[in-house]
Amino acid sequence: MNKDFDELKSELQAKLLFWNNIKSKQTKAFLILVFFGVIGLKVFTTILTFDWLARLL
């Protein structure tokens, strides 16, 4: 379990290093917008899928 925790920690550090290396505020804003867009799309399609399944039953 400790090995998994270390692997997760190193992965998070790599992501943070990538984020800190981005100098453009426009690029950071775009990445945040894409992140929220993907989450919103997932929630929206899940709700529609469950609504569609409820109509079948």
N, C-alpha and C. Protein backbone atom coordinates (compact mmCIF):
# COMPACT_ATOMS: atom_id res chain seq x y z
N MET A 1 0.82 -1.19 0.00
CA MET A 1 0.00 0.00 0.00
C MET A 1 0.87 1.26 0.00
N ASN A 2 1.98 1.18 0.68
CA ASN A 2 2.89 2.32 0.73
C ASN A 2 3.45 2.61 -0.66
N LYS A 3 3.68 1.56 -1.44
CA LYS A 3 4.19 1.73 -2.79
C LYS A 3 3.16 2.45 -3.66
N ASP A 4 1.88 2.09 -3.49
CA ASP A 4 0.82 2.76 -4.24
C ASP A 4 0.71 4.23 -3.85
N PHE A 5 0.86 4.50 -2.56
CA PHE A 5 0.80 5.89 -2.09
C PHE A 5 1.94 6.70 -2.67
N ASP A 6 3.13 6.12 -2.71
CA ASP A 6 4.30 6.81 -3.28
C ASP A 6 4.10 7.06 -4.77
N GLU A 7 3.52 6.09 -5.46
CA GLU A 7 3.27 6.25 -6.89
C GLU A 7 2.25 7.37 -7.13
N LEU A 8 1.21 7.41 -6.34
CA LEU A 8 0.20 8.45 -6.45
C LEU A 8 0.80 9.82 -6.15
N LYS A 9 1.64 9.87 -5.13
CA LYS A 9 2.28 11.12 -4.75
C LYS A 9 3.19 11.64 -5.87
N SER A 10 3.95 10.76 -6.49
CA SER A 10 4.83 11.17 -7.58
C SER A 10 4.03 11.61 -8.81
N GLU A 11 2.90 10.97 -9.04
CA GLU A 11 2.04 11.36 -10.17
C GLU A 11 1.46 12.75 -9.93
N LEU A 12 1.01 13.01 -8.72
CA LEU A 12 0.47 14.33 -8.40
C LEU A 12 1.55 15.41 -8.49
N GLN A 13 2.75 15.09 -8.08
CA GLN A 13 3.85 16.04 -8.19
C GLN A 13 4.17 16.35 -9.65
N ALA A 14 4.09 15.34 -10.52
CA ALA A 14 4.33 15.56 -11.94
C ALA A 14 3.24 16.45 -12.54
N LYS A 15 1.99 16.24 -12.13
CA LYS A 15 0.90 17.08 -12.63
C LYS A 15 1.06 18.52 -12.15
N LEU A 16 1.46 18.69 -10.89
CA LEU A 16 1.67 20.03 -10.34
C LEU A 16 2.83 20.72 -11.05
N LEU A 17 3.89 19.99 -11.34
CA LEU A 17 5.02 20.56 -12.06
C LEU A 17 4.60 20.99 -13.46
N PHE A 18 3.79 20.18 -14.13
CA PHE A 18 3.26 20.54 -15.45
C PHE A 18 2.44 21.82 -15.35
N TRP A 19 1.58 21.91 -14.34
CA TRP A 19 0.72 23.09 -14.17
C TRP A 19 1.56 24.33 -13.90
N ASN A 20 2.60 24.20 -13.08
CA ASN A 20 3.44 25.35 -12.75
C ASN A 20 4.30 25.79 -13.92
N ASN A 21 4.57 24.90 -14.87
CA ASN A 21 5.38 25.26 -16.04
C ASN A 21 4.58 26.01 -17.10
N ILE A 22 3.26 26.00 -16.99
CA ILE A 22 2.43 26.74 -17.94
C ILE A 22 2.49 28.21 -17.56
N LYS A 23 2.97 29.05 -18.45
CA LYS A 23 3.13 30.47 -18.15
C LYS A 23 1.91 31.30 -18.56
N SER A 24 1.19 30.87 -19.57
CA SER A 24 0.08 31.65 -20.10
C SER A 24 -1.18 31.47 -19.25
N LYS A 25 -1.75 32.60 -18.83
CA LYS A 25 -3.00 32.54 -18.08
C LYS A 25 -4.14 32.09 -18.96
N GLN A 26 -4.07 32.39 -20.25
CA GLN A 26 -5.12 31.96 -21.18
C GLN A 26 -5.13 30.44 -21.31
N THR A 27 -3.97 29.83 -21.35
CA THR A 27 -3.88 28.37 -21.44
C THR A 27 -4.42 27.72 -20.17
N LYS A 28 -4.07 28.28 -19.02
CA LYS A 28 -4.58 27.74 -17.76
C LYS A 28 -6.10 27.87 -17.69
N ALA A 29 -6.63 29.02 -18.11
CA ALA A 29 -8.08 29.22 -18.11
C ALA A 29 -8.75 28.25 -19.06
N PHE A 30 -8.14 28.00 -20.22
CA PHE A 30 -8.69 27.06 -21.17
C PHE A 30 -8.71 25.64 -20.60
N LEU A 31 -7.65 25.23 -19.94
CA LEU A 31 -7.60 23.89 -19.34
C LEU A 31 -8.63 23.74 -18.23
N ILE A 32 -8.83 24.77 -17.43
CA ILE A 32 -9.86 24.72 -16.38
C ILE A 32 -11.23 24.63 -17.01
N LEU A 33 -11.47 25.40 -18.06
CA LEU A 33 -12.76 25.36 -18.76
C LEU A 33 -13.02 23.98 -19.37
N VAL A 34 -12.01 23.38 -19.97
CA VAL A 34 -12.15 22.04 -20.54
C VAL A 34 -12.43 21.02 -19.43
N PHE A 35 -11.76 21.14 -18.31
CA PHE A 35 -11.97 20.24 -17.18
C PHE A 35 -13.42 20.29 -16.70
N PHE A 36 -13.93 21.49 -16.48
CA PHE A 36 -15.32 21.62 -16.03
C PHE A 36 -16.30 21.22 -17.13
N GLY A 37 -15.93 21.46 -18.38
CA GLY A 37 -16.78 21.04 -19.49
C GLY A 37 -16.92 19.53 -19.57
N VAL A 38 -15.84 18.82 -19.37
CA VAL A 38 -15.88 17.35 -19.40
C VAL A 38 -16.71 16.81 -18.23
N ILE A 39 -16.53 17.40 -17.07
CA ILE A 39 -17.32 16.97 -15.91
C ILE A 39 -18.80 17.26 -16.15
N GLY A 40 -19.11 18.45 -16.67
CA GLY A 40 -20.50 18.81 -16.96
C GLY A 40 -21.11 17.90 -18.00
N LEU A 41 -20.35 17.57 -19.03
CA LEU A 41 -20.85 16.68 -20.07
C LEU A 41 -21.12 15.30 -19.52
N LYS A 42 -20.26 14.82 -18.65
CA LYS A 42 -20.45 13.50 -18.04
C LYS A 42 -21.72 13.48 -17.18
N VAL A 43 -21.91 14.51 -16.38
CA VAL A 43 -23.10 14.58 -15.53
C VAL A 43 -24.35 14.69 -16.39
N PHE A 44 -24.30 15.54 -17.40
CA PHE A 44 -25.45 15.74 -18.28
C PHE A 44 -25.84 14.46 -19.01
N THR A 45 -24.87 13.76 -19.55
CA THR A 45 -25.18 12.53 -20.28
C THR A 45 -25.64 11.42 -19.34
N THR A 46 -25.11 11.40 -18.12
CA THR A 46 -25.56 10.39 -17.15
C THR A 46 -27.01 10.62 -16.78
N ILE A 47 -27.39 11.86 -16.56
CA ILE A 47 -28.78 12.18 -16.22
C ILE A 47 -29.69 11.81 -17.38
N LEU A 48 -29.28 12.13 -18.59
CA LEU A 48 -30.10 11.78 -19.75
C LEU A 48 -30.21 10.28 -19.93
N THR A 49 -29.14 9.56 -19.64
CA THR A 49 -29.15 8.11 -19.79
C THR A 49 -30.11 7.48 -18.78
N PHE A 50 -30.06 7.94 -17.53
CA PHE A 50 -30.96 7.39 -16.53
C PHE A 50 -32.41 7.75 -16.83
N ASP A 51 -32.65 8.95 -17.36
CA ASP A 51 -34.00 9.33 -17.74
C ASP A 51 -34.49 8.43 -18.87
N TRP A 52 -33.63 8.13 -19.82
CA TRP A 52 -33.99 7.29 -20.94
C TRP A 52 -34.27 5.86 -20.46
N LEU A 53 -33.45 5.37 -19.52
CA LEU A 53 -33.67 4.03 -18.99
C LEU A 53 -34.96 3.95 -18.18
N ALA A 54 -35.30 5.02 -17.49
CA ALA A 54 -36.53 5.02 -16.69
C ALA A 54 -37.76 4.94 -17.61
N ARG A 55 -37.70 5.54 -18.77
CA ARG A 55 -38.82 5.48 -19.71
C ARG A 55 -39.02 4.07 -20.26
N LEU A 56 -37.96 3.30 -20.36
CA LEU A 56 -38.05 1.93 -20.88
C LEU A 56 -38.77 1.01 -19.88
N LEU A 57 -38.56 1.27 -18.61
CA LEU A 57 -39.13 0.40 -17.58
C LEU A 57 -40.49 0.83 -17.24
